[in-house]
């Protein structure tokens, strides 16, 4: 990906750049997927766009969103989550977003309750 956009103060940008170690699940031209350090289920993976985008409301490239969700579903298949999984995107303070770099949570490996939080 040319012309990468990063935020020097963003923990996810630092992870993508290799400044902070992580458990990498997959990487491609557009995304970087890592295991969550505070998993909420046996499988909890974060799919990050490589460019810094604060939240889903700031995405102007619908193809990028499609690629991120395709990556999430491909990882779900590779993680053997055939019984089911949840894809979550938290946005803003009230939405539970704690790191302001868009990321998709892929959660599975057990029965998940509803409603969430």
PDB file of N, CA and C in Angstrom:
ATOM      1  N   UNK A   1       0.846  -1.165   0.000  1.00  0.00           N
ATOM      2  CA  UNK A   1       0.000   0.000   0.000  1.00  0.00           C
ATOM      3  C   UNK A   1       0.897   1.235   0.000  1.00  0.00           C
ATOM      4  N   UNK A   2       0.740   2.069  -0.965  1.00  0.00           N
ATOM      5  CA  UNK A   2       1.560   3.272  -1.028  1.00  0.00           C
ATOM      6  C   UNK A   2       0.892   4.393  -0.257  1.00  0.00           C
ATOM      7  N   UNK A   3       1.701   5.392   0.097  1.00  0.00           N
ATOM      8  CA  UNK A   3       1.194   6.561   0.797  1.00  0.00           C
ATOM      9  C   UNK A   3       0.443   6.183   2.075  1.00  0.00           C
ATOM     10  N   UNK A   4       1.047   5.347   2.907  1.00  0.00           N
ATOM     11  CA  UNK A   4       0.424   4.941   4.159  1.00  0.00           C
ATOM     12  C   UNK A   4       0.231   6.135   5.070  1.00  0.00           C
ATOM     13  N   UNK A   5      -0.895   6.151   5.734  1.00  0.00           N
ATOM     14  CA  UNK A   5      -1.225   7.219   6.659  1.00  0.00           C
ATOM     15  C   UNK A   5      -1.247   6.616   8.053  1.00  0.00           C
ATOM     16  N   UNK A   6      -0.414   7.140   8.953  1.00  0.00           N
ATOM     17  CA  UNK A   6      -0.339   6.660  10.326  1.00  0.00           C
ATOM     18  C   UNK A   6      -0.447   7.840  11.279  1.00  0.00           C
ATOM     19  N   UNK A   7      -0.870   7.540  12.497  1.00  0.00           N
ATOM     20  CA  UNK A   7      -0.905   8.512  13.582  1.00  0.00           C
ATOM     21  C   UNK A   7       0.156   8.057  14.575  1.00  0.00           C
ATOM     22  N   UNK A   8       1.192   8.858  14.763  1.00  0.00           N
ATOM     23  CA  UNK A   8       2.335   8.478  15.602  1.00  0.00           C
ATOM     24  C   UNK A   8       1.937   8.189  17.047  1.00  0.00           C
ATOM     25  N   UNK A   9       0.794   8.691  17.506  1.00  0.00           N
ATOM     26  CA  UNK A   9       0.366   8.463  18.881  1.00  0.00           C
ATOM     27  C   UNK A   9      -0.603   7.285  19.018  1.00  0.00           C
ATOM     28  N   UNK A  10      -0.970   6.654  17.912  1.00  0.00           N
ATOM     29  CA  UNK A  10      -1.970   5.573  17.912  1.00  0.00           C
ATOM     30  C   UNK A  10      -1.316   4.217  18.182  1.00  0.00           C
ATOM     31  N   UNK A  11      -1.812   3.507  19.191  1.00  0.00           N
ATOM     32  CA  UNK A  11      -1.248   2.201  19.539  1.00  0.00           C
ATOM     33  C   UNK A  11      -1.381   1.205  18.385  1.00  0.00           C
ATOM     34  N   UNK A  12      -2.497   1.236  17.650  1.00  0.00           N
ATOM     35  CA  UNK A  12      -2.653   0.302  16.539  1.00  0.00           C
ATOM     36  C   UNK A  12      -1.713   0.638  15.386  1.00  0.00           C
ATOM     37  N   UNK A  13      -1.475   1.915  15.134  1.00  0.00           N
ATOM     38  CA  UNK A  13      -0.500   2.291  14.104  1.00  0.00           C
ATOM     39  C   UNK A  13       0.892   1.801  14.497  1.00  0.00           C
ATOM     40  N   UNK A  14       1.208   1.901  15.785  1.00  0.00           N
ATOM     41  CA  UNK A  14       2.506   1.414  16.261  1.00  0.00           C
ATOM     42  C   UNK A  14       2.610  -0.101  16.118  1.00  0.00           C
ATOM     43  N   UNK A  15       1.519  -0.820  16.361  1.00  0.00           N
ATOM     44  CA  UNK A  15       1.515  -2.273  16.176  1.00  0.00           C
ATOM     45  C   UNK A  15       1.723  -2.611  14.706  1.00  0.00           C
ATOM     46  N   UNK A  16       0.996  -1.945  13.824  1.00  0.00           N
ATOM     47  CA  UNK A  16       1.117  -2.190  12.383  1.00  0.00           C
ATOM     48  C   UNK A  16       2.544  -1.928  11.911  1.00  0.00           C
ATOM     49  N   UNK A  17       3.175  -0.893  12.454  1.00  0.00           N
ATOM     50  CA  UNK A  17       4.546  -0.546  12.067  1.00  0.00           C
ATOM     51  C   UNK A  17       5.601  -1.406  12.754  1.00  0.00           C
ATOM     52  N   UNK A  18       5.185  -2.322  13.629  1.00  0.00           N
ATOM     53  CA  UNK A  18       6.124  -3.218  14.296  1.00  0.00           C
ATOM     54  C   UNK A  18       6.812  -2.623  15.508  1.00  0.00           C
ATOM     55  N   UNK A  19       6.376  -1.463  15.961  1.00  0.00           N
ATOM     56  CA  UNK A  19       6.977  -0.821  17.137  1.00  0.00           C
ATOM     57  C   UNK A  19       6.528  -1.483  18.435  1.00  0.00           C
ATOM     58  N   UNK A  20       5.363  -2.114  18.403  1.00  0.00           N
ATOM     59  CA  UNK A  20       4.820  -2.825  19.565  1.00  0.00           C
ATOM     60  C   UNK A  20       4.542  -4.253  19.112  1.00  0.00           C
ATOM     61  N   UNK A  21       5.032  -5.245  19.851  1.00  0.00           N
ATOM     62  CA  UNK A  21       4.803  -6.635  19.448  1.00  0.00           C
ATOM     63  C   UNK A  21       3.327  -7.023  19.539  1.00  0.00           C
ATOM     64  N   UNK A  22       2.932  -7.933  18.673  1.00  0.00           N
ATOM     65  CA  UNK A  22       1.561  -8.435  18.669  1.00  0.00           C
ATOM     66  C   UNK A  22       1.555  -9.848  18.111  1.00  0.00           C
ATOM     67  N   UNK A  23       0.451 -10.524  18.310  1.00  0.00           N
ATOM     68  CA  UNK A  23       0.268 -11.868  17.761  1.00  0.00           C
ATOM     69  C   UNK A  23      -0.477 -11.714  16.443  1.00  0.00           C
ATOM     70  N   UNK A  24       0.273 -11.669  15.352  1.00  0.00           N
ATOM     71  CA  UNK A  24      -0.289 -11.417  14.028  1.00  0.00           C
ATOM     72  C   UNK A  24      -1.002 -12.664  13.524  1.00  0.00           C
ATOM     73  N   UNK A  25      -2.221 -12.475  13.050  1.00  0.00           N
ATOM     74  CA  UNK A  25      -3.020 -13.556  12.483  1.00  0.00           C
ATOM     75  C   UNK A  25      -2.923 -13.539  10.965  1.00  0.00           C
ATOM     76  N   UNK A  26      -3.027 -12.345  10.391  1.00  0.00           N
ATOM     77  CA  UNK A  26      -2.901 -12.209   8.939  1.00  0.00           C
ATOM     78  C   UNK A  26      -2.573 -10.766   8.594  1.00  0.00           C
ATOM     79  N   UNK A  27      -2.071 -10.603   7.395  1.00  0.00           N
ATOM     80  CA  UNK A  27      -1.743  -9.275   6.891  1.00  0.00           C
ATOM     81  C   UNK A  27      -1.898  -9.302   5.384  1.00  0.00           C
ATOM     82  N   UNK A  28      -2.443  -8.228   4.848  1.00  0.00           N
ATOM     83  CA  UNK A  28      -2.491  -8.060   3.398  1.00  0.00           C
ATOM     84  C   UNK A  28      -2.262  -6.582   3.094  1.00  0.00           C
ATOM     85  N   UNK A  29      -2.466  -6.215   1.870  1.00  0.00           N
ATOM     86  CA  UNK A  29      -2.181  -4.843   1.446  1.00  0.00           C
ATOM     87  C   UNK A  29      -2.993  -3.804   2.222  1.00  0.00           C
ATOM     88  N   UNK A  30      -4.204  -4.170   2.644  1.00  0.00           N
ATOM     89  CA  UNK A  30      -5.116  -3.209   3.251  1.00  0.00           C
ATOM     90  C   UNK A  30      -5.307  -3.371   4.751  1.00  0.00           C
ATOM     91  N   UNK A  31      -5.033  -4.572   5.273  1.00  0.00           N
ATOM     92  CA  UNK A  31      -5.377  -4.826   6.667  1.00  0.00           C
ATOM     93  C   UNK A  31      -4.300  -5.591   7.414  1.00  0.00           C
ATOM     94  N   UNK A  32      -4.443  -5.546   8.722  1.00  0.00           N
ATOM     95  CA  UNK A  32      -3.520  -6.192   9.645  1.00  0.00           C
ATOM     96  C   UNK A  32      -4.405  -6.786  10.733  1.00  0.00           C
ATOM     97  N   UNK A  33      -4.326  -8.088  10.969  1.00  0.00           N
ATOM     98  CA  UNK A  33      -5.177  -8.744  11.961  1.00  0.00           C
ATOM     99  C   UNK A  33      -4.321  -9.323  13.076  1.00  0.00           C
ATOM    100  N   UNK A  34      -4.744  -9.059  14.309  1.00  0.00           N
ATOM    101  CA  UNK A  34      -3.995  -9.509  15.487  1.00  0.00           C
ATOM    102  C   UNK A  34      -4.948 -10.127  16.508  1.00  0.00           C
ATOM    103  N   UNK A  35      -4.403 -10.946  17.384  1.00  0.00           N
ATOM    104  CA  UNK A  35      -5.178 -11.476  18.502  1.00  0.00           C
ATOM    105  C   UNK A  35      -5.305 -10.380  19.556  1.00  0.00           C
ATOM    106  N   UNK A  36      -6.509 -10.257  20.110  1.00  0.00           N
ATOM    107  CA  UNK A  36      -6.770  -9.259  21.143  1.00  0.00           C
ATOM    108  C   UNK A  36      -6.019  -9.632  22.420  1.00  0.00           C
ATOM    109  N   UNK A  37      -5.376  -8.650  23.052  1.00  0.00           N
ATOM    110  CA  UNK A  37      -4.646  -8.888  24.299  1.00  0.00           C
ATOM    111  C   UNK A  37      -5.568  -9.127  25.487  1.00  0.00           C
ATOM    112  N   UNK A  38      -6.834  -8.767  25.355  1.00  0.00           N
ATOM    113  CA  UNK A  38      -7.821  -8.956  26.413  1.00  0.00           C
ATOM    114  C   UNK A  38      -9.031  -9.674  25.820  1.00  0.00           C
ATOM    115  N   UNK A  39      -8.854 -10.955  25.439  1.00  0.00           N
ATOM    116  CA  UNK A  39      -9.919 -11.652  24.708  1.00  0.00           C
ATOM    117  C   UNK A  39     -11.187 -11.829  25.529  1.00  0.00           C
ATOM    118  N   UNK A  40     -12.322 -11.641  24.857  1.00  0.00           N
ATOM    119  CA  UNK A  40     -13.628 -11.801  25.476  1.00  0.00           C
ATOM    120  C   UNK A  40     -14.257 -13.150  25.138  1.00  0.00           C
ATOM    121  N   UNK A  41     -13.533 -13.965  24.385  1.00  0.00           N
ATOM    122  CA  UNK A  41     -13.977 -15.306  23.999  1.00  0.00           C
ATOM    123  C   UNK A  41     -12.724 -16.082  23.592  1.00  0.00           C
ATOM    124  N   UNK A  42     -12.836 -17.400  23.419  1.00  0.00           N
ATOM    125  CA  UNK A  42     -11.656 -18.172  23.025  1.00  0.00           C
ATOM    126  C   UNK A  42     -10.966 -17.631  21.768  1.00  0.00           C
ATOM    127  N   UNK A  43     -11.754 -17.151  20.815  1.00  0.00           N
ATOM    128  CA  UNK A  43     -11.198 -16.482  19.641  1.00  0.00           C
ATOM    129  C   UNK A  43     -11.637 -15.025  19.681  1.00  0.00           C
ATOM    130  N   UNK A  44     -10.667 -14.132  19.699  1.00  0.00           N
ATOM    131  CA  UNK A  44     -10.963 -12.696  19.675  1.00  0.00           C
ATOM    132  C   UNK A  44      -9.839 -12.035  18.889  1.00  0.00           C
ATOM    133  N   UNK A  45     -10.164 -11.671  17.660  1.00  0.00           N
ATOM    134  CA  UNK A  45      -9.189 -11.126  16.718  1.00  0.00           C
ATOM    135  C   UNK A  45      -9.639  -9.734  16.299  1.00  0.00           C
ATOM    136  N   UNK A  46      -8.685  -8.832  16.157  1.00  0.00           N
ATOM    137  CA  UNK A  46      -8.953  -7.477  15.691  1.00  0.00           C
ATOM    138  C   UNK A  46      -8.441  -7.329  14.273  1.00  0.00           C
ATOM    139  N   UNK A  47      -9.288  -6.843  13.376  1.00  0.00           N
ATOM    140  CA  UNK A  47      -8.902  -6.589  11.989  1.00  0.00           C
ATOM    141  C   UNK A  47      -8.824  -5.066  11.836  1.00  0.00           C
ATOM    142  N   UNK A  48      -7.630  -4.581  11.499  1.00  0.00           N
ATOM    143  CA  UNK A  48      -7.353  -3.152  11.438  1.00  0.00           C
ATOM    144  C   UNK A  48      -7.052  -2.731  10.002  1.00  0.00           C
ATOM    145  N   UNK A  49      -7.566  -1.594   9.555  1.00  0.00           N
ATOM    146  CA  UNK A  49      -7.066  -1.073   8.287  1.00  0.00           C
ATOM    147  C   UNK A  49      -5.635  -0.590   8.511  1.00  0.00           C
ATOM    148  N   UNK A  50      -4.790  -0.736   7.520  1.00  0.00           N
ATOM    149  CA  UNK A  50      -3.398  -0.294   7.672  1.00  0.00           C
ATOM    150  C   UNK A  50      -3.292   1.222   7.780  1.00  0.00           C
ATOM    151  N   UNK A  51      -4.146   1.939   7.092  1.00  0.00           N
ATOM    152  CA  UNK A  51      -4.147   3.395   7.221  1.00  0.00           C
ATOM    153  C   UNK A  51      -4.947   3.782   8.454  1.00  0.00           C
ATOM    154  N   UNK A  52      -4.512   4.841   9.111  1.00  0.00           N
ATOM    155  CA  UNK A  52      -5.214   5.315  10.300  1.00  0.00           C
ATOM    156  C   UNK A  52      -6.532   5.962   9.898  1.00  0.00           C
ATOM    157  N   UNK A  53      -7.613   5.387  10.397  1.00  0.00           N
ATOM    158  CA  UNK A  53      -8.957   5.936  10.246  1.00  0.00           C
ATOM    159  C   UNK A  53      -9.558   5.850  11.646  1.00  0.00           C
ATOM    160  N   UNK A  54     -10.024   6.948  12.195  1.00  0.00           N
ATOM    161  CA  UNK A  54     -10.452   6.975  13.594  1.00  0.00           C
ATOM    162  C   UNK A  54     -11.622   6.039  13.894  1.00  0.00           C
ATOM    163  N   UNK A  55     -12.619   6.008  13.007  1.00  0.00           N
ATOM    164  CA  UNK A  55     -13.786   5.144  13.247  1.00  0.00           C
ATOM    165  C   UNK A  55     -14.533   4.912  11.942  1.00  0.00           C
ATOM    166  N   UNK A  56     -15.525   4.052  11.999  1.00  0.00           N
ATOM    167  CA  UNK A  56     -16.245   3.667  10.783  1.00  0.00           C
ATOM    168  C   UNK A  56     -16.962   4.857  10.138  1.00  0.00           C
ATOM    169  N   UNK A  57     -17.313   5.851  10.939  1.00  0.00           N
ATOM    170  CA  UNK A  57     -17.971   7.039  10.409  1.00  0.00           C
ATOM    171  C   UNK A  57     -17.075   7.897   9.539  1.00  0.00           C
ATOM    172  N   UNK A  58     -15.776   7.664   9.601  1.00  0.00           N
ATOM    173  CA  UNK A  58     -14.829   8.437   8.800  1.00  0.00           C
ATOM    174  C   UNK A  58     -14.356   7.708   7.548  1.00  0.00           C
ATOM    175  N   UNK A  59     -14.908   6.544   7.286  1.00  0.00           N
ATOM    176  CA  UNK A  59     -14.500   5.774   6.105  1.00  0.00           C
ATOM    177  C   UNK A  59     -15.167   6.353   4.874  1.00  0.00           C
ATOM    178  N   UNK A  60     -14.362   6.693   3.876  1.00  0.00           N
ATOM    179  CA  UNK A  60     -14.911   7.204   2.625  1.00  0.00           C
ATOM    180  C   UNK A  60     -14.805   6.172   1.505  1.00  0.00           C
ATOM    181  N   UNK A  61     -14.096   5.085   1.761  1.00  0.00           N
ATOM    182  CA  UNK A  61     -13.854   4.057   0.744  1.00  0.00           C
ATOM    183  C   UNK A  61     -14.664   2.807   1.084  1.00  0.00           C
ATOM    184  N   UNK A  62     -15.819   2.647   0.431  1.00  0.00           N
ATOM    185  CA  UNK A  62     -16.669   1.485   0.711  1.00  0.00           C
ATOM    186  C   UNK A  62     -15.976   0.177   0.330  1.00  0.00           C
ATOM    187  N   UNK A  63     -15.080   0.203  -0.648  1.00  0.00           N
ATOM    188  CA  UNK A  63     -14.339  -1.002  -1.007  1.00  0.00           C
ATOM    189  C   UNK A  63     -13.434  -1.440   0.137  1.00  0.00           C
ATOM    190  N   UNK A  64     -12.851  -0.492   0.851  1.00  0.00           N
ATOM    191  CA  UNK A  64     -12.019  -0.833   1.997  1.00  0.00           C
ATOM    192  C   UNK A  64     -12.854  -1.548   3.054  1.00  0.00           C
ATOM    193  N   UNK A  65     -14.038  -1.026   3.341  1.00  0.00           N
ATOM    194  CA  UNK A  65     -14.902  -1.699   4.320  1.00  0.00           C
ATOM    195  C   UNK A  65     -15.215  -3.118   3.876  1.00  0.00           C
ATOM    196  N   UNK A  66     -15.520  -3.289   2.614  1.00  0.00           N
ATOM    197  CA  UNK A  66     -15.783  -4.630   2.089  1.00  0.00           C
ATOM    198  C   UNK A  66     -14.587  -5.541   2.271  1.00  0.00           C
ATOM    199  N   UNK A  67     -13.407  -5.038   1.991  1.00  0.00           N
ATOM    200  CA  UNK A  67     -12.186  -5.845   2.154  1.00  0.00           C
ATOM    201  C   UNK A  67     -11.965  -6.229   3.612  1.00  0.00           C
ATOM    202  N   UNK A  68     -12.206  -5.294   4.522  1.00  0.00           N
ATOM    203  CA  UNK A  68     -12.026  -5.582   5.945  1.00  0.00           C
ATOM    204  C   UNK A  68     -12.991  -6.678   6.401  1.00  0.00           C
ATOM    205  N   UNK A  69     -14.251  -6.582   5.980  1.00  0.00           N
ATOM    206  CA  UNK A  69     -15.227  -7.604   6.367  1.00  0.00           C
ATOM    207  C   UNK A  69     -14.946  -8.934   5.675  1.00  0.00           C
ATOM    208  N   UNK A  70     -14.481  -8.911   4.438  1.00  0.00           N
ATOM    209  CA  UNK A  70     -14.078 -10.159   3.770  1.00  0.00           C
ATOM    210  C   UNK A  70     -12.910 -10.808   4.502  1.00  0.00           C
ATOM    211  N   UNK A  71     -11.976 -10.004   4.966  1.00  0.00           N
ATOM    212  CA  UNK A  71     -10.850 -10.522   5.741  1.00  0.00           C
ATOM    213  C   UNK A  71     -11.361 -11.157   7.033  1.00  0.00           C
ATOM    214  N   UNK A  72     -12.295 -10.493   7.690  1.00  0.00           N
ATOM    215  CA  UNK A  72     -12.852 -11.034   8.937  1.00  0.00           C
ATOM    216  C   UNK A  72     -13.510 -12.396   8.695  1.00  0.00           C
ATOM    217  N   UNK A  73     -14.283 -12.527   7.634  1.00  0.00           N
ATOM    218  CA  UNK A  73     -14.957 -13.800   7.377  1.00  0.00           C
ATOM    219  C   UNK A  73     -13.963 -14.878   6.946  1.00  0.00           C
ATOM    220  N   UNK A  74     -12.924 -14.502   6.220  1.00  0.00           N
ATOM    221  CA  UNK A  74     -11.890 -15.483   5.845  1.00  0.00           C
ATOM    222  C   UNK A  74     -11.150 -15.979   7.091  1.00  0.00           C
ATOM    223  N   UNK A  75     -10.859 -15.079   8.012  1.00  0.00           N
ATOM    224  CA  UNK A  75     -10.197 -15.478   9.252  1.00  0.00           C
ATOM    225  C   UNK A  75     -11.123 -16.379  10.067  1.00  0.00           C
ATOM    226  N   UNK A  76     -12.404 -16.046  10.124  1.00  0.00           N
ATOM    227  CA  UNK A  76     -13.364 -16.892  10.853  1.00  0.00           C
ATOM    228  C   UNK A  76     -13.328 -18.322  10.314  1.00  0.00           C
ATOM    229  N   UNK A  77     -13.263 -18.450   9.020  1.00  0.00           N
ATOM    230  CA  UNK A  77     -13.193 -19.783   8.412  1.00  0.00           C
ATOM    231  C   UNK A  77     -11.889 -20.471   8.804  1.00  0.00           C
ATOM    232  N   UNK A  78     -10.777 -19.753   8.727  1.00  0.00           N
ATOM    233  CA  UNK A  78      -9.475 -20.353   9.061  1.00  0.00           C
ATOM    234  C   UNK A  78      -9.358 -20.690  10.546  1.00  0.00           C
ATOM    235  N   UNK A  79     -10.145 -20.019  11.391  1.00  0.00           N
ATOM    236  CA  UNK A  79     -10.140 -20.277  12.834  1.00  0.00           C
ATOM    237  C   UNK A  79     -11.186 -21.338  13.218  1.00  0.00           C
ATOM    238  N   UNK A  80     -11.821 -21.929  12.210  1.00  0.00           N
ATOM    239  CA  UNK A  80     -12.817 -22.999  12.427  1.00  0.00           C
ATOM    240  C   UNK A  80     -13.999 -22.539  13.286  1.00  0.00           C
ATOM    241  N   UNK A  81     -14.523 -21.382  12.978  1.00  0.00           N
ATOM    242  CA  UNK A  81     -15.668 -20.848  13.708  1.00  0.00           C
ATOM    243  C   UNK A  81     -16.983 -21.173  12.995  1.00  0.00           C
ATOM    244  N   UNK A  82     -17.088 -22.391  12.454  1.00  0.00           N
ATOM    245  CA  UNK A  82     -18.261 -22.769  11.679  1.00  0.00           C
ATOM    246  C   UNK A  82     -19.546 -22.788  12.497  1.00  0.00           C
ATOM    247  N   UNK A  83     -19.461 -22.909  13.822  1.00  0.00           N
ATOM    248  CA  UNK A  83     -20.666 -22.883  14.662  1.00  0.00           C
ATOM    249  C   UNK A  83     -21.226 -21.472  14.801  1.00  0.00           C
ATOM    250  N   UNK A  84     -20.410 -20.485  14.503  1.00  0.00           N
ATOM    251  CA  UNK A  84     -20.867 -19.103  14.569  1.00  0.00           C
ATOM    252  C   UNK A  84     -19.837 -18.181  15.188  1.00  0.00           C
ATOM    253  N   UNK A  85     -20.019 -16.919  14.934  1.00  0.00           N
ATOM    254  CA  UNK A  85     -19.117 -15.887  15.452  1.00  0.00           C
ATOM    255  C   UNK A  85     -19.836 -14.553  15.392  1.00  0.00           C
ATOM    256  N   UNK A  86     -19.228 -13.568  16.007  1.00  0.00           N
ATOM    257  CA  UNK A  86     -19.788 -12.222  16.006  1.00  0.00           C
ATOM    258  C   UNK A  86     -18.741 -11.272  15.452  1.00  0.00           C
ATOM    259  N   UNK A  87     -19.194 -10.316  14.637  1.00  0.00           N
ATOM    260  CA  UNK A  87     -18.351  -9.235  14.133  1.00  0.00           C
ATOM    261  C   UNK A  87     -18.902  -7.943  14.734  1.00  0.00           C
ATOM    262  N   UNK A  88     -18.012  -7.185  15.403  1.00  0.00           N
ATOM    263  CA  UNK A  88     -18.432  -5.986  16.111  1.00  0.00           C
ATOM    264  C   UNK A  88     -17.526  -4.819  15.718  1.00  0.00           C
ATOM    265  N   UNK A  89     -18.133  -3.659  15.507  1.00  0.00           N
ATOM    266  CA  UNK A  89     -17.380  -2.422  15.298  1.00  0.00           C
ATOM    267  C   UNK A  89     -17.921  -1.402  16.293  1.00  0.00           C
ATOM    268  N   UNK A  90     -17.140  -1.095  17.304  1.00  0.00           N
ATOM    269  CA  UNK A  90     -17.521  -0.078  18.291  1.00  0.00           C
ATOM    270  C   UNK A  90     -17.154   1.295  17.730  1.00  0.00           C
ATOM    271  N   UNK A  91     -18.060   2.262  17.902  1.00  0.00           N
ATOM    272  CA  UNK A  91     -17.822   3.596  17.371  1.00  0.00           C
ATOM    273  C   UNK A  91     -18.183   4.643  18.416  1.00  0.00           C
ATOM    274  N   UNK A  92     -17.210   5.472  18.758  1.00  0.00           N
ATOM    275  CA  UNK A  92     -17.429   6.555  19.703  1.00  0.00           C
ATOM    276  C   UNK A  92     -17.472   6.086  21.153  1.00  0.00           C
ATOM    277  N   UNK A  93     -17.435   7.053  22.063  1.00  0.00           N
ATOM    278  CA  UNK A  93     -17.433   6.749  23.495  1.00  0.00           C
ATOM    279  C   UNK A  93     -18.637   5.912  23.908  1.00  0.00           C
ATOM    280  N   UNK A  94     -19.838   6.335  23.520  1.00  0.00           N
ATOM    281  CA  UNK A  94     -21.045   5.603  23.913  1.00  0.00           C
ATOM    282  C   UNK A  94     -21.137   4.240  23.242  1.00  0.00           C
ATOM    283  N   UNK A  95     -20.431   4.060  22.143  1.00  0.00           N
ATOM    284  CA  UNK A  95     -20.415   2.777  21.455  1.00  0.00           C
ATOM    285  C   UNK A  95     -19.360   1.832  21.998  1.00  0.00           C
ATOM    286  N   UNK A  96     -18.587   2.280  22.972  1.00  0.00           N
ATOM    287  CA  UNK A  96     -17.583   1.429  23.597  1.00  0.00           C
ATOM    288  C   UNK A  96     -16.224   1.450  22.932  1.00  0.00           C
ATOM    289  N   UNK A  97     -15.994   2.389  22.011  1.00  0.00           N
ATOM    290  CA  UNK A  97     -14.690   2.464  21.355  1.00  0.00           C
ATOM    291  C   UNK A  97     -13.662   3.024  22.323  1.00  0.00           C
ATOM    292  N   UNK A  98     -12.556   2.298  22.508  1.00  0.00           N
ATOM    293  CA  UNK A  98     -11.507   2.752  23.420  1.00  0.00           C
ATOM    294  C   UNK A  98     -10.220   3.104  22.694  1.00  0.00           C
ATOM    295  N   UNK A  99     -10.024   2.556  21.502  1.00  0.00           N
ATOM    296  CA  UNK A  99      -8.872   2.916  20.675  1.00  0.00           C
ATOM    297  C   UNK A  99      -9.432   3.538  19.400  1.00  0.00           C
ATOM    298  N   UNK A 100      -9.038   4.772  19.135  1.00  0.00           N
ATOM    299  CA  UNK A 100      -9.600   5.501  18.003  1.00  0.00           C
ATOM    300  C   UNK A 100      -8.806   5.265  16.717  1.00  0.00           C
ATOM    301  N   UNK A 101      -8.806   3.991  16.331  1.00  0.00           N
ATOM    302  CA  UNK A 101      -8.331   3.501  15.039  1.00  0.00           C
ATOM    303  C   UNK A 101      -9.353   2.429  14.704  1.00  0.00           C
ATOM    304  N   UNK A 102     -10.069   2.607  13.605  1.00  0.00           N
ATOM    305  CA  UNK A 102     -11.104   1.652  13.211  1.00  0.00           C
ATOM    306  C   UNK A 102     -10.585   0.223  13.365  1.00  0.00           C
ATOM    307  N   UNK A 103     -11.384  -0.634  13.966  1.00  0.00           N
ATOM    308  CA  UNK A 103     -11.039  -2.047  14.062  1.00  0.00           C
ATOM    309  C   UNK A 103     -12.300  -2.873  14.188  1.00  0.00           C
ATOM    310  N   UNK A 104     -12.245  -4.041  13.584  1.00  0.00           N
ATOM    311  CA  UNK A 104     -13.352  -4.990  13.632  1.00  0.00           C
ATOM    312  C   UNK A 104     -12.970  -6.086  14.618  1.00  0.00           C
ATOM    313  N   UNK A 105     -13.853  -6.355  15.566  1.00  0.00           N
ATOM    314  CA  UNK A 105     -13.660  -7.467  16.493  1.00  0.00           C
ATOM    315  C   UNK A 105     -14.296  -8.708  15.874  1.00  0.00           C
ATOM    316  N   UNK A 106     -13.540  -9.774  15.767  1.00  0.00           N
ATOM    317  CA  UNK A 106     -14.051 -11.080  15.370  1.00  0.00           C
ATOM    318  C   UNK A 106     -14.019 -11.935  16.633  1.00  0.00           C
ATOM    319  N   UNK A 107     -15.205 -12.312  17.115  1.00  0.00           N
ATOM    320  CA  UNK A 107     -15.322 -12.997  18.400  1.00  0.00           C
ATOM    321  C   UNK A 107     -16.060 -14.308  18.198  1.00  0.00           C
ATOM    322  N   UNK A 108     -15.501 -15.396  18.734  1.00  0.00           N
ATOM    323  CA  UNK A 108     -16.171 -16.683  18.617  1.00  0.00           C
ATOM    324  C   UNK A 108     -15.493 -17.743  19.456  1.00  0.00           C
ATOM    325  N   UNK A 109     -15.877 -18.985  19.190  1.00  0.00           N
ATOM    326  CA  UNK A 109     -15.297 -20.096  19.909  1.00  0.00           C
ATOM    327  C   UNK A 109     -16.122 -20.543  21.106  1.00  0.00           C
ATOM    328  N   UNK A 110     -17.250 -19.895  21.329  1.00  0.00           N
ATOM    329  CA  UNK A 110     -18.196 -20.272  22.365  1.00  0.00           C
ATOM    330  C   UNK A 110     -19.543 -19.638  22.020  1.00  0.00           C
ATOM    331  N   UNK A 111     -20.610 -20.087  22.684  1.00  0.00           N
ATOM    332  CA  UNK A 111     -21.912 -19.463  22.485  1.00  0.00           C
ATOM    333  C   UNK A 111     -21.864 -18.044  23.038  1.00  0.00           C
ATOM    334  N   UNK A 112     -22.344 -17.096  22.275  1.00  0.00           N
ATOM    335  CA  UNK A 112     -22.313 -15.691  22.667  1.00  0.00           C
ATOM    336  C   UNK A 112     -23.715 -15.254  23.073  1.00  0.00           C
ATOM    337  N   UNK A 113     -23.824 -14.571  24.185  1.00  0.00           N
ATOM    338  CA  UNK A 113     -25.126 -14.114  24.674  1.00  0.00           C
ATOM    339  C   UNK A 113     -25.650 -12.903  23.925  1.00  0.00           C
ATOM    340  N   UNK A 114     -26.947 -12.650  24.101  1.00  0.00           N
ATOM    341  CA  UNK A 114     -27.587 -11.482  23.515  1.00  0.00           C
ATOM    342  C   UNK A 114     -28.612 -10.958  24.513  1.00  0.00           C
ATOM    343  N   UNK A 115     -28.778  -9.701  24.724  1.00  0.00           N
ATOM    344  CA  UNK A 115     -28.054  -8.626  24.058  1.00  0.00           C
ATOM    345  C   UNK A 115     -26.649  -8.437  24.648  1.00  0.00           C
ATOM    346  N   UNK A 116     -25.753  -7.898  23.820  1.00  0.00           N
ATOM    347  CA  UNK A 116     -24.414  -7.605  24.336  1.00  0.00           C
ATOM    348  C   UNK A 116     -24.476  -6.356  25.217  1.00  0.00           C
ATOM    349  N   UNK A 117     -23.470  -6.187  26.057  1.00  0.00           N
ATOM    350  CA  UNK A 117     -23.260  -5.035  26.944  1.00  0.00           C
ATOM    351  C   UNK A 117     -24.311  -4.016  26.877  1.00  0.00           C
TER     352      UNK A 117
END
